[in-house]
Amino acid sequence: MTLHVPFRVVKRGGRKEVQLPAGAPHPQRTDSSLVKALARAFRWKRMLESGEFATIAELAEREGIAPSYMTRVLRLTLLAPDIVAAILNGKQGPKVMLARRLEPFPIAWSEQKATVA
């Protein structure tokens, strides 16, 4: 007897992951790299809003990262609250990955939901 199970191995968050075929149920899994990026983004936003740092460049220098990367991560604070909640609860869809979330996305929450569906 031969059993054929279609799947792909993809890199996600620096790790290899088995990607199931369309229509297969997706197990609930928290993406630690995405959660970590969200936490950093909201911490950095709070630091900037409090006046602890005057500019993104100043904060990026202290954190030892490029200002352009910090700007892309800070953009995560503009995600719709239900998308953030789904990420934190491990209920985000298979299309929600850190690399994709760091790319430009619509500001309107309704349009964001359409890009992750």
PDB file of N, CA and C in Angstrom:
ATOM      1  N   MET A   1       0.839  -1.162   0.000  1.00  0.00           N
ATOM      2  CA  MET A   1       0.000   0.000   0.000  1.00  0.00           C
ATOM      3  C   MET A   1       0.901   1.248   0.000  1.00  0.00           C
ATOM      4  N   THR A   2       0.526   2.208  -0.827  1.00  0.00           N
ATOM      5  CA  THR A   2       1.264   3.458  -0.894  1.00  0.00           C
ATOM      6  C   THR A   2       0.346   4.596  -0.469  1.00  0.00           C
ATOM      7  N   LEU A   3       0.850   5.441   0.385  1.00  0.00           N
ATOM      8  CA  LEU A   3       0.088   6.597   0.856  1.00  0.00           C
ATOM      9  C   LEU A   3       0.772   7.851   0.328  1.00  0.00           C
ATOM     10  N   HIS A   4       0.020   8.673  -0.383  1.00  0.00           N
ATOM     11  CA  HIS A   4       0.556   9.908  -0.948  1.00  0.00           C
ATOM     12  C   HIS A   4      -0.013  11.093  -0.165  1.00  0.00           C
ATOM     13  N   VAL A   5       0.864  11.888   0.428  1.00  0.00           N
ATOM     14  CA  VAL A   5       0.440  13.066   1.192  1.00  0.00           C
ATOM     15  C   VAL A   5       1.125  14.282   0.568  1.00  0.00           C
ATOM     16  N   PRO A   6       0.336  15.142  -0.093  1.00  0.00           N
ATOM     17  CA  PRO A   6       0.947  16.321  -0.720  1.00  0.00           C
ATOM     18  C   PRO A   6       1.281  17.383   0.334  1.00  0.00           C
ATOM     19  N   PHE A   7       2.528  17.849   0.334  1.00  0.00           N
ATOM     20  CA  PHE A   7       2.935  18.940   1.213  1.00  0.00           C
ATOM     21  C   PHE A   7       4.190  19.577   0.646  1.00  0.00           C
ATOM     22  N   ARG A   8       4.489  20.764   1.156  1.00  0.00           N
ATOM     23  CA  ARG A   8       5.704  21.469   0.755  1.00  0.00           C
ATOM     24  C   ARG A   8       6.466  21.846   2.015  1.00  0.00           C
ATOM     25  N   VAL A   9       7.778  21.917   1.910  1.00  0.00           N
ATOM     26  CA  VAL A   9       8.601  22.394   3.008  1.00  0.00           C
ATOM     27  C   VAL A   9       8.993  23.825   2.655  1.00  0.00           C
ATOM     28  N   VAL A  10       8.636  24.780   3.535  1.00  0.00           N
ATOM     29  CA  VAL A  10       8.938  26.187   3.298  1.00  0.00           C
ATOM     30  C   VAL A  10       9.697  26.743   4.492  1.00  0.00           C
ATOM     31  N   LYS A  11      10.474  27.811   4.252  1.00  0.00           N
ATOM     32  CA  LYS A  11      11.172  28.486   5.344  1.00  0.00           C
ATOM     33  C   LYS A  11      10.228  29.530   5.929  1.00  0.00           C
ATOM     34  N   ARG A  12      10.105  29.510   7.240  1.00  0.00           N
ATOM     35  CA  ARG A  12       9.234  30.462   7.930  1.00  0.00           C
ATOM     36  C   ARG A  12       9.917  30.868   9.227  1.00  0.00           C
ATOM     37  N   GLY A  13      10.236  32.145   9.316  1.00  0.00           N
ATOM     38  CA  GLY A  13      10.898  32.623  10.527  1.00  0.00           C
ATOM     39  C   GLY A  13      12.251  31.983  10.748  1.00  0.00           C
ATOM     40  N   GLY A  14      12.959  31.670   9.672  1.00  0.00           N
ATOM     41  CA  GLY A  14      14.279  31.064   9.786  1.00  0.00           C
ATOM     42  C   GLY A  14      14.256  29.560  10.005  1.00  0.00           C
ATOM     43  N   ARG A  15      13.061  28.974  10.075  1.00  0.00           N
ATOM     44  CA  ARG A  15      12.938  27.532  10.280  1.00  0.00           C
ATOM     45  C   ARG A  15      12.223  26.910   9.096  1.00  0.00           C
ATOM     46  N   LYS A  16      12.422  25.631   8.934  1.00  0.00           N
ATOM     47  CA  LYS A  16      11.690  24.911   7.895  1.00  0.00           C
ATOM     48  C   LYS A  16      10.375  24.425   8.482  1.00  0.00           C
ATOM     49  N   GLU A  17       9.321  24.523   7.683  1.00  0.00           N
ATOM     50  CA  GLU A  17       7.995  24.137   8.136  1.00  0.00           C
ATOM     51  C   GLU A  17       7.281  23.382   7.033  1.00  0.00           C
ATOM     52  N   VAL A  18       6.498  22.408   7.415  1.00  0.00           N
ATOM     53  CA  VAL A  18       5.696  21.657   6.458  1.00  0.00           C
ATOM     54  C   VAL A  18       4.444  22.473   6.164  1.00  0.00           C
ATOM     55  N   GLN A  19       4.187  22.721   4.898  1.00  0.00           N
ATOM     56  CA  GLN A  19       2.997  23.462   4.492  1.00  0.00           C
ATOM     57  C   GLN A  19       1.997  22.465   3.918  1.00  0.00           C
ATOM     58  N   LEU A  20       0.803  22.440   4.522  1.00  0.00           N
ATOM     59  CA  LEU A  20      -0.232  21.504   4.103  1.00  0.00           C
ATOM     60  C   LEU A  20      -0.933  21.998   2.847  1.00  0.00           C
ATOM     61  N   PRO A  21      -1.578  21.104   2.111  1.00  0.00           N
ATOM     62  CA  PRO A  21      -2.285  21.521   0.896  1.00  0.00           C
ATOM     63  C   PRO A  21      -3.494  22.388   1.232  1.00  0.00           C
ATOM     64  N   ALA A  22      -3.990  23.113   0.231  1.00  0.00           N
ATOM     65  CA  ALA A  22      -5.158  23.975   0.407  1.00  0.00           C
ATOM     66  C   ALA A  22      -6.346  23.138   0.875  1.00  0.00           C
ATOM     67  N   GLY A  23      -7.079  23.677   1.836  1.00  0.00           N
ATOM     68  CA  GLY A  23      -8.252  22.988   2.352  1.00  0.00           C
ATOM     69  C   GLY A  23      -7.981  22.114   3.560  1.00  0.00           C
ATOM     70  N   ALA A  24      -6.715  21.818   3.826  1.00  0.00           N
ATOM     71  CA  ALA A  24      -6.386  21.010   5.007  1.00  0.00           C
ATOM     72  C   ALA A  24      -6.462  21.899   6.246  1.00  0.00           C
ATOM     73  N   PRO A  25      -6.912  21.359   7.355  1.00  0.00           N
ATOM     74  CA  PRO A  25      -6.983  22.177   8.577  1.00  0.00           C
ATOM     75  C   PRO A  25      -5.583  22.557   9.041  1.00  0.00           C
ATOM     76  N   HIS A  26      -5.433  23.806   9.444  1.00  0.00           N
ATOM     77  CA  HIS A  26      -4.136  24.296   9.902  1.00  0.00           C
ATOM     78  C   HIS A  26      -4.091  24.259  11.419  1.00  0.00           C
ATOM     79  N   PRO A  27      -3.070  23.624  11.974  1.00  0.00           N
ATOM     80  CA  PRO A  27      -2.973  23.579  13.429  1.00  0.00           C
ATOM     81  C   PRO A  27      -2.681  24.974  13.987  1.00  0.00           C
ATOM     82  N   GLN A  28      -3.161  25.238  15.180  1.00  0.00           N
ATOM     83  CA  GLN A  28      -2.932  26.525  15.828  1.00  0.00           C
ATOM     84  C   GLN A  28      -1.480  26.562  16.284  1.00  0.00           C
ATOM     85  N   ARG A  29      -0.741  27.585  15.858  1.00  0.00           N
ATOM     86  CA  ARG A  29       0.674  27.682  16.209  1.00  0.00           C
ATOM     87  C   ARG A  29       1.062  29.142  16.287  1.00  0.00           C
ATOM     88  N   THR A  30       1.660  29.522  17.383  1.00  0.00           N
ATOM     89  CA  THR A  30       2.123  30.892  17.545  1.00  0.00           C
ATOM     90  C   THR A  30       3.450  31.042  16.816  1.00  0.00           C
ATOM     91  N   ASP A  31       3.552  32.057  15.965  1.00  0.00           N
ATOM     92  CA  ASP A  31       4.782  32.346  15.236  1.00  0.00           C
ATOM     93  C   ASP A  31       5.635  33.238  16.134  1.00  0.00           C
ATOM     94  N   SER A  32       6.625  32.642  16.787  1.00  0.00           N
ATOM     95  CA  SER A  32       7.414  33.368  17.782  1.00  0.00           C
ATOM     96  C   SER A  32       8.171  34.564  17.193  1.00  0.00           C
ATOM     97  N   SER A  33       8.639  34.455  15.956  1.00  0.00           N
ATOM     98  CA  SER A  33       9.358  35.577  15.359  1.00  0.00           C
ATOM     99  C   SER A  33       8.420  36.747  15.101  1.00  0.00           C
ATOM    100  N   LEU A  34       7.189  36.453  14.722  1.00  0.00           N
ATOM    101  CA  LEU A  34       6.204  37.506  14.481  1.00  0.00           C
ATOM    102  C   LEU A  34       5.748  38.135  15.800  1.00  0.00           C
ATOM    103  N   VAL A  35       5.544  37.325  16.825  1.00  0.00           N
ATOM    104  CA  VAL A  35       5.156  37.845  18.142  1.00  0.00           C
ATOM    105  C   VAL A  35       6.273  38.724  18.707  1.00  0.00           C
ATOM    106  N   LYS A  36       7.498  38.289  18.554  1.00  0.00           N
ATOM    107  CA  LYS A  36       8.655  39.055  19.042  1.00  0.00           C
ATOM    108  C   LYS A  36       8.748  40.395  18.311  1.00  0.00           C
ATOM    109  N   ALA A  37       8.529  40.391  17.002  1.00  0.00           N
ATOM    110  CA  ALA A  37       8.568  41.634  16.222  1.00  0.00           C
ATOM    111  C   ALA A  37       7.461  42.583  16.656  1.00  0.00           C
ATOM    112  N   LEU A  38       6.261  42.050  16.917  1.00  0.00           N
ATOM    113  CA  LEU A  38       5.156  42.883  17.406  1.00  0.00           C
ATOM    114  C   LEU A  38       5.505  43.508  18.749  1.00  0.00           C
ATOM    115  N   ALA A  39       6.056  42.709  19.650  1.00  0.00           N
ATOM    116  CA  ALA A  39       6.437  43.222  20.968  1.00  0.00           C
ATOM    117  C   ALA A  39       7.472  44.335  20.843  1.00  0.00           C
ATOM    118  N   ARG A  40       8.462  44.126  20.004  1.00  0.00           N
ATOM    119  CA  ARG A  40       9.478  45.169  19.784  1.00  0.00           C
ATOM    120  C   ARG A  40       8.852  46.432  19.210  1.00  0.00           C
ATOM    121  N   ALA A  41       7.982  46.255  18.234  1.00  0.00           N
ATOM    122  CA  ALA A  41       7.363  47.410  17.581  1.00  0.00           C
ATOM    123  C   ALA A  41       6.599  48.267  18.580  1.00  0.00           C
ATOM    124  N   PHE A  42       5.786  47.622  19.410  1.00  0.00           N
ATOM    125  CA  PHE A  42       5.006  48.392  20.378  1.00  0.00           C
ATOM    126  C   PHE A  42       5.890  48.983  21.479  1.00  0.00           C
ATOM    127  N   ARG A  43       6.972  48.314  21.846  1.00  0.00           N
ATOM    128  CA  ARG A  43       7.909  48.870  22.837  1.00  0.00           C
ATOM    129  C   ARG A  43       8.608  50.092  22.253  1.00  0.00           C
ATOM    130  N   TRP A  44       9.072  49.969  21.007  1.00  0.00           N
ATOM    131  CA  TRP A  44       9.746  51.098  20.364  1.00  0.00           C
ATOM    132  C   TRP A  44       8.796  52.280  20.188  1.00  0.00           C
ATOM    133  N   LYS A  45       7.566  51.992  19.826  1.00  0.00           N
ATOM    134  CA  LYS A  45       6.576  53.064  19.665  1.00  0.00           C
ATOM    135  C   LYS A  45       6.383  53.800  20.988  1.00  0.00           C
ATOM    136  N   ARG A  46       6.259  53.040  22.066  1.00  0.00           N
ATOM    137  CA  ARG A  46       6.085  53.641  23.391  1.00  0.00           C
ATOM    138  C   ARG A  46       7.301  54.505  23.762  1.00  0.00           C
ATOM    139  N   MET A  47       8.494  54.044  23.439  1.00  0.00           N
ATOM    140  CA  MET A  47       9.718  54.795  23.737  1.00  0.00           C
ATOM    141  C   MET A  47       9.763  56.112  22.955  1.00  0.00           C
ATOM    142  N   LEU A  48       9.318  56.068  21.711  1.00  0.00           N
ATOM    143  CA  LEU A  48       9.301  57.281  20.889  1.00  0.00           C
ATOM    144  C   LEU A  48       8.226  58.249  21.365  1.00  0.00           C
ATOM    145  N   GLU A  49       7.039  57.729  21.678  1.00  0.00           N
ATOM    146  CA  GLU A  49       5.938  58.591  22.110  1.00  0.00           C
ATOM    147  C   GLU A  49       6.192  59.222  23.475  1.00  0.00           C
ATOM    148  N   SER A  50       6.933  58.533  24.337  1.00  0.00           N
ATOM    149  CA  SER A  50       7.209  59.065  25.668  1.00  0.00           C
ATOM    150  C   SER A  50       8.263  60.163  25.641  1.00  0.00           C
ATOM    151  N   GLY A  51       8.978  60.282  24.528  1.00  0.00           N
ATOM    152  CA  GLY A  51      10.028  61.293  24.427  1.00  0.00           C
ATOM    153  C   GLY A  51      11.381  60.783  24.886  1.00  0.00           C
ATOM    154  N   GLU A  52      11.449  59.506  25.225  1.00  0.00           N
ATOM    155  CA  GLU A  52      12.723  58.923  25.650  1.00  0.00           C
ATOM    156  C   GLU A  52      13.765  59.037  24.534  1.00  0.00           C
ATOM    157  N   PHE A  53      13.281  58.914  23.299  1.00  0.00           N
ATOM    158  CA  PHE A  53      14.129  59.103  22.119  1.00  0.00           C
ATOM    159  C   PHE A  53      13.417  60.068  21.189  1.00  0.00           C
ATOM    160  N   ALA A  54      14.180  60.988  20.611  1.00  0.00           N
ATOM    161  CA  ALA A  54      13.583  62.015  19.764  1.00  0.00           C
ATOM    162  C   ALA A  54      13.319  61.518  18.340  1.00  0.00           C
ATOM    163  N   THR A  55      14.164  60.631  17.850  1.00  0.00           N
ATOM    164  CA  THR A  55      14.026  60.173  16.467  1.00  0.00           C
ATOM    165  C   THR A  55      14.188  58.660  16.370  1.00  0.00           C
ATOM    166  N   ILE A  56      13.724  58.122  15.264  1.00  0.00           N
ATOM    167  CA  ILE A  56      13.897  56.691  14.996  1.00  0.00           C
ATOM    168  C   ILE A  56      15.379  56.377  14.848  1.00  0.00           C
ATOM    169  N   ALA A  57      16.126  57.266  14.224  1.00  0.00           N
ATOM    170  CA  ALA A  57      17.562  57.044  14.028  1.00  0.00           C
ATOM    171  C   ALA A  57      18.286  56.927  15.370  1.00  0.00           C
ATOM    172  N   GLU A  58      17.913  57.761  16.322  1.00  0.00           N
ATOM    173  CA  GLU A  58      18.524  57.733  17.648  1.00  0.00           C
ATOM    174  C   GLU A  58      18.215  56.404  18.359  1.00  0.00           C
ATOM    175  N   LEU A  59      16.972  55.986  18.290  1.00  0.00           N
ATOM    176  CA  LEU A  59      16.561  54.725  18.914  1.00  0.00           C
ATOM    177  C   LEU A  59      17.220  53.537  18.220  1.00  0.00           C
ATOM    178  N   ALA A  60      17.271  53.575  16.900  1.00  0.00           N
ATOM    179  CA  ALA A  60      17.889  52.483  16.139  1.00  0.00           C
ATOM    180  C   ALA A  60      19.369  52.344  16.493  1.00  0.00           C
ATOM    181  N   GLU A  61      20.036  53.470  16.681  1.00  0.00           N
ATOM    182  CA  GLU A  61      21.452  53.433  17.054  1.00  0.00           C
ATOM    183  C   GLU A  61      21.617  52.762  18.416  1.00  0.00           C
ATOM    184  N   ARG A  62      20.750  53.110  19.355  1.00  0.00           N
ATOM    185  CA  ARG A  62      20.823  52.500  20.690  1.00  0.00           C
ATOM    186  C   ARG A  62      20.548  51.002  20.637  1.00  0.00           C
ATOM    187  N   GLU A  63      19.610  50.594  19.791  1.00  0.00           N
ATOM    188  CA  GLU A  63      19.257  49.178  19.664  1.00  0.00           C
ATOM    189  C   GLU A  63      20.257  48.413  18.799  1.00  0.00           C
ATOM    190  N   GLY A  64      21.103  49.130  18.077  1.00  0.00           N
ATOM    191  CA  GLY A  64      22.102  48.485  17.234  1.00  0.00           C
ATOM    192  C   GLY A  64      21.548  47.875  15.966  1.00  0.00           C
ATOM    193  N   ILE A  65      20.511  48.517  15.416  1.00  0.00           N
ATOM    194  CA  ILE A  65      19.929  48.035  14.164  1.00  0.00           C
ATOM    195  C   ILE A  65      19.804  49.185  13.173  1.00  0.00           C
ATOM    196  N   ALA A  66      19.554  48.860  11.939  1.00  0.00           N
ATOM    197  CA  ALA A  66      19.416  49.875  10.900  1.00  0.00           C
ATOM    198  C   ALA A  66      18.085  50.614  11.057  1.00  0.00           C
ATOM    199  N   PRO A  67      18.079  51.937  10.891  1.00  0.00           N
ATOM    200  CA  PRO A  67      16.820  52.694  10.979  1.00  0.00           C
ATOM    201  C   PRO A  67      15.767  52.212   9.987  1.00  0.00           C
ATOM    202  N   SER A  68      16.173  51.753   8.819  1.00  0.00           N
ATOM    203  CA  SER A  68      15.201  51.280   7.828  1.00  0.00           C
ATOM    204  C   SER A  68      14.493  50.023   8.320  1.00  0.00           C
ATOM    205  N   TYR A  69      15.216  49.125   8.986  1.00  0.00           N
ATOM    206  CA  TYR A  69      14.591  47.922   9.541  1.00  0.00           C
ATOM    207  C   TYR A  69      13.636  48.310  10.667  1.00  0.00           C
ATOM    208  N   MET A  70      14.073  49.230  11.521  1.00  0.00           N
ATOM    209  CA  MET A  70      13.222  49.666  12.624  1.00  0.00           C
ATOM    210  C   MET A  70      11.922  50.264  12.100  1.00  0.00           C
ATOM    211  N   THR A  71      12.002  51.035  11.035  1.00  0.00           N
ATOM    212  CA  THR A  71      10.813  51.643  10.439  1.00  0.00           C
ATOM    213  C   THR A  71       9.854  50.568   9.946  1.00  0.00           C
ATOM    214  N   ARG A  72      10.392  49.518   9.310  1.00  0.00           N
ATOM    215  CA  ARG A  72       9.529  48.433   8.823  1.00  0.00           C
ATOM    216  C   ARG A  72       8.863  47.697   9.984  1.00  0.00           C
ATOM    217  N   VAL A  73       9.605  47.472  11.067  1.00  0.00           N
ATOM    218  CA  VAL A  73       9.030  46.785  12.222  1.00  0.00           C
ATOM    219  C   VAL A  73       8.005  47.682  12.907  1.00  0.00           C
ATOM    220  N   LEU A  74       8.289  48.974  13.036  1.00  0.00           N
ATOM    221  CA  LEU A  74       7.341  49.911  13.657  1.00  0.00           C
ATOM    222  C   LEU A  74       6.015  49.948  12.912  1.00  0.00           C
ATOM    223  N   ARG A  75       6.056  49.671  11.626  1.00  0.00           N
ATOM    224  CA  ARG A  75       4.835  49.652  10.823  1.00  0.00           C
ATOM    225  C   ARG A  75       3.843  48.611  11.340  1.00  0.00           C
ATOM    226  N   LEU A  76       4.322  47.587  12.049  1.00  0.00           N
ATOM    227  CA  LEU A  76       3.441  46.554  12.597  1.00  0.00           C
ATOM    228  C   LEU A  76       2.448  47.124  13.608  1.00  0.00           C
ATOM    229  N   THR A  77       2.770  48.278  14.200  1.00  0.00           N
ATOM    230  CA  THR A  77       1.846  48.897  15.162  1.00  0.00           C
ATOM    231  C   THR A  77       0.598  49.428  14.469  1.00  0.00           C
ATOM    232  N   LEU A  78       0.594  49.470  13.148  1.00  0.00           N
ATOM    233  CA  LEU A  78      -0.553  49.952  12.383  1.00  0.00           C
ATOM    234  C   LEU A  78      -1.494  48.821  11.963  1.00  0.00           C
ATOM    235  N   LEU A  79      -1.172  47.592  12.338  1.00  0.00           N
ATOM    236  CA  LEU A  79      -2.040  46.467  11.991  1.00  0.00           C
ATOM    237  C   LEU A  79      -3.370  46.558  12.740  1.00  0.00           C
ATOM    238  N   ALA A  80      -4.400  46.042  12.119  1.00  0.00           N
ATOM    239  CA  ALA A  80      -5.728  46.008  12.738  1.00  0.00           C
ATOM    240  C   ALA A  80      -5.657  45.202  14.035  1.00  0.00           C
ATOM    241  N   PRO A  81      -6.378  45.648  15.065  1.00  0.00           N
ATOM    242  CA  PRO A  81      -6.331  44.942  16.358  1.00  0.00           C
ATOM    243  C   PRO A  81      -6.700  43.466  16.275  1.00  0.00           C
ATOM    244  N   ASP A  82      -7.642  43.099  15.429  1.00  0.00           N
ATOM    245  CA  ASP A  82      -8.005  41.684  15.342  1.00  0.00           C
ATOM    246  C   ASP A  82      -6.908  40.853  14.677  1.00  0.00           C
ATOM    247  N   ILE A  83      -6.132  41.460  13.781  1.00  0.00           N
ATOM    248  CA  ILE A  83      -5.002  40.758  13.167  1.00  0.00           C
ATOM    249  C   ILE A  83      -3.912  40.547  14.224  1.00  0.00           C
ATOM    250  N   VAL A  84      -3.653  41.579  15.042  1.00  0.00           N
ATOM    251  CA  VAL A  84      -2.666  41.467  16.120  1.00  0.00           C
ATOM    252  C   VAL A  84      -3.101  40.376  17.104  1.00  0.00           C
ATOM    253  N   ALA A  85      -4.376  40.374  17.473  1.00  0.00           N
ATOM    254  CA  ALA A  85      -4.890  39.364  18.403  1.00  0.00           C
ATOM    255  C   ALA A  85      -4.750  37.958  17.821  1.00  0.00           C
ATOM    256  N   ALA A  86      -5.051  37.810  16.546  1.00  0.00           N
ATOM    257  CA  ALA A  86      -4.920  36.497  15.895  1.00  0.00           C
ATOM    258  C   ALA A  86      -3.475  36.021  15.922  1.00  0.00           C
ATOM    259  N   ILE A  87      -2.536  36.932  15.683  1.00  0.00           N
ATOM    260  CA  ILE A  87      -1.111  36.582  15.715  1.00  0.00           C
ATOM    261  C   ILE A  87      -0.717  36.136  17.119  1.00  0.00           C
ATOM    262  N   LEU A  88      -1.120  36.897  18.123  1.00  0.00           N
ATOM    263  CA  LEU A  88      -0.757  36.579  19.510  1.00  0.00           C
ATOM    264  C   LEU A  88      -1.385  35.273  19.982  1.00  0.00           C
ATOM    265  N   ASN A  89      -2.561  34.932  19.444  1.00  0.00           N
ATOM    266  CA  ASN A  89      -3.248  33.697  19.828  1.00  0.00           C
ATOM    267  C   ASN A  89      -2.877  32.506  18.945  1.00  0.00           C
ATOM    268  N   GLY A  90      -1.998  32.727  17.963  1.00  0.00           N
ATOM    269  CA  GLY A  90      -1.591  31.643  17.070  1.00  0.00           C
ATOM    270  C   GLY A  90      -2.657  31.264  16.069  1.00  0.00           C
ATOM    271  N   LYS A  91      -3.620  32.152  15.832  1.00  0.00           N
ATOM    272  CA  LYS A  91      -4.717  31.860  14.915  1.00  0.00           C
ATOM    273  C   LYS A  91      -4.578  32.584  13.585  1.00  0.00           C
ATOM    274  N   GLN A  92      -3.389  33.147  13.323  1.00  0.00           N
ATOM    275  CA  GLN A  92      -3.183  33.825  12.053  1.00  0.00           C
ATOM    276  C   GLN A  92      -3.176  32.806  10.927  1.00  0.00           C
ATOM    277  N   GLY A  93      -3.559  33.241   9.765  1.00  0.00           N
ATOM    278  CA  GLY A  93      -3.586  32.350   8.608  1.00  0.00           C
ATOM    279  C   GLY A  93      -2.189  32.020   8.130  1.00  0.00           C
ATOM    280  N   PRO A  94      -2.084  31.080   7.207  1.00  0.00           N
ATOM    281  CA  PRO A  94      -0.770  30.683   6.704  1.00  0.00           C
ATOM    282  C   PRO A  94      -0.073  31.784   5.907  1.00  0.00           C
ATOM    283  N   LYS A  95      -0.827  32.798   5.449  1.00  0.00           N
ATOM    284  CA  LYS A  95      -0.228  33.891   4.691  1.00  0.00           C
ATOM    285  C   LYS A  95       0.427  34.933   5.589  1.00  0.00           C
ATOM    286  N   VAL A  96       0.184  34.865   6.890  1.00  0.00           N
ATOM    287  CA  VAL A  96       0.713  35.869   7.814  1.00  0.00           C
ATOM    288  C   VAL A  96       2.072  35.396   8.324  1.00  0.00           C
ATOM    289  N   MET A  97       3.119  35.955   7.733  1.00  0.00           N
ATOM    290  CA  MET A  97       4.491  35.646   8.117  1.00  0.00           C
ATOM    291  C   MET A  97       5.221  36.958   8.333  1.00  0.00           C
ATOM    292  N   LEU A  98       6.275  36.945   9.115  1.00  0.00           N
ATOM    293  CA  LEU A  98       7.010  38.171   9.421  1.00  0.00           C
ATOM    294  C   LEU A  98       7.505  38.858   8.155  1.00  0.00           C
ATOM    295  N   ALA A  99       8.094  38.094   7.247  1.00  0.00           N
ATOM    296  CA  ALA A  99       8.625  38.700   6.024  1.00  0.00           C
ATOM    297  C   ALA A  99       7.535  39.428   5.238  1.00  0.00           C
ATOM    298  N   ARG A 100       6.350  38.836   5.170  1.00  0.00           N
ATOM    299  CA  ARG A 100       5.241  39.480   4.439  1.00  0.00           C
ATOM    300  C   ARG A 100       4.706  40.673   5.199  1.00  0.00           C
ATOM    301  N   ARG A 101       4.692  40.607   6.530  1.00  0.00           N
ATOM    302  CA  ARG A 101       4.160  41.717   7.330  1.00  0.00           C
ATOM    303  C   ARG A 101       5.107  42.911   7.325  1.00  0.00           C
ATOM    304  N   LEU A 102       6.388  42.699   7.031  1.00  0.00           N
ATOM    305  CA  LEU A 102       7.323  43.816   6.969  1.00  0.00           C
ATOM    306  C   LEU A 102       7.253  44.543   5.632  1.00  0.00           C
ATOM    307  N   GLU A 103       6.579  43.949   4.671  1.00  0.00           N
ATOM    308  CA  GLU A 103       6.356  44.628   3.393  1.00  0.00           C
ATOM    309  C   GLU A 103       5.255  45.669   3.589  1.00  0.00           C
ATOM    310  N   PRO A 104       5.226  46.703   2.746  1.00  0.00           N
ATOM    311  CA  PRO A 104       4.148  47.708   2.877  1.00  0.00           C
ATOM    312  C   PRO A 104       2.770  47.057   2.790  1.00  0.00           C
ATOM    313  N   PHE A 105       1.848  47.550   3.604  1.00  0.00           N
ATOM    314  CA  PHE A 105       0.480  47.047   3.602  1.00  0.00           C
ATOM    315  C   PHE A 105      -0.463  48.232   3.743  1.00  0.00           C
ATOM    316  N   PRO A 106      -1.739  48.048   3.390  1.00  0.00           N
ATOM    317  CA  PRO A 106      -2.698  49.159   3.459  1.00  0.00           C
ATOM    318  C   PRO A 106      -2.882  49.639   4.900  1.00  0.00           C
ATOM    319  N   ILE A 107      -3.139  50.932   5.061  1.00  0.00           N
ATOM    320  CA  ILE A 107      -3.367  51.505   6.384  1.00  0.00           C
ATOM    321  C   ILE A 107      -4.777  51.169   6.875  1.00  0.00           C
ATOM    322  N   ALA A 108      -5.747  51.160   5.962  1.00  0.00           N
ATOM    323  CA  ALA A 108      -7.143  50.883   6.331  1.00  0.00           C
ATOM    324  C   ALA A 108      -7.264  49.442   6.822  1.00  0.00           C
ATOM    325  N   TRP A 109      -7.848  49.264   8.023  1.00  0.00           N
ATOM    326  CA  TRP A 109      -7.968  47.940   8.616  1.00  0.00           C
ATOM    327  C   TRP A 109      -8.780  46.994   7.751  1.00  0.00           C
ATOM    328  N   SER A 110      -9.825  47.491   7.106  1.00  0.00           N
ATOM    329  CA  SER A 110     -10.647  46.617   6.265  1.00  0.00           C
ATOM    330  C   SER A 110      -9.836  46.082   5.080  1.00  0.00           C
ATOM    331  N   GLU A 111      -8.955  46.908   4.535  1.00  0.00           N
ATOM    332  CA  GLU A 111      -8.110  46.466   3.424  1.00  0.00           C
ATOM    333  C   GLU A 111      -7.038  45.501   3.908  1.00  0.00           C
ATOM    334  N   GLN A 112      -6.551  45.690   5.125  1.00  0.00           N
ATOM    335  CA  GLN A 112      -5.546  44.769   5.683  1.00  0.00           C
ATOM    336  C   GLN A 112      -6.134  43.376   5.798  1.00  0.00           C
ATOM    337  N   LYS A 113      -7.372  43.296   6.260  1.00  0.00           N
ATOM    338  CA  LYS A 113      -8.013  41.992   6.438  1.00  0.00           C
ATOM    339  C   LYS A 113      -8.125  41.251   5.100  1.00  0.00           C
ATOM    340  N   ALA A 114      -8.317  41.991   4.021  1.00  0.00           N
ATOM    341  CA  ALA A 114      -8.422  41.385   2.700  1.00  0.00           C
ATOM    342  C   ALA A 114      -7.067  40.823   2.247  1.00  0.00           C
ATOM    343  N   THR A 115      -5.949  41.428   2.691  1.00  0.00           N
ATOM    344  CA  THR A 115      -4.630  40.975   2.259  1.00  0.00           C
ATOM    345  C   THR A 115      -4.176  39.730   3.010  1.00  0.00           C
ATOM    346  N   VAL A 116      -4.757  39.463   4.182  1.00  0.00           N
ATOM    347  CA  VAL A 116      -4.336  38.278   4.941  1.00  0.00           C
ATOM    348  C   VAL A 116      -5.319  37.133   4.827  1.00  0.00           C
ATOM    349  N   ALA A 117      -6.448  37.366   4.192  1.00  0.00           N
ATOM    350  CA  ALA A 117      -7.473  36.314   4.075  1.00  0.00           C
ATOM    351  C   ALA A 117      -7.055  35.264   3.063  1.00  0.00           C
TER     352      ALA A 117
END
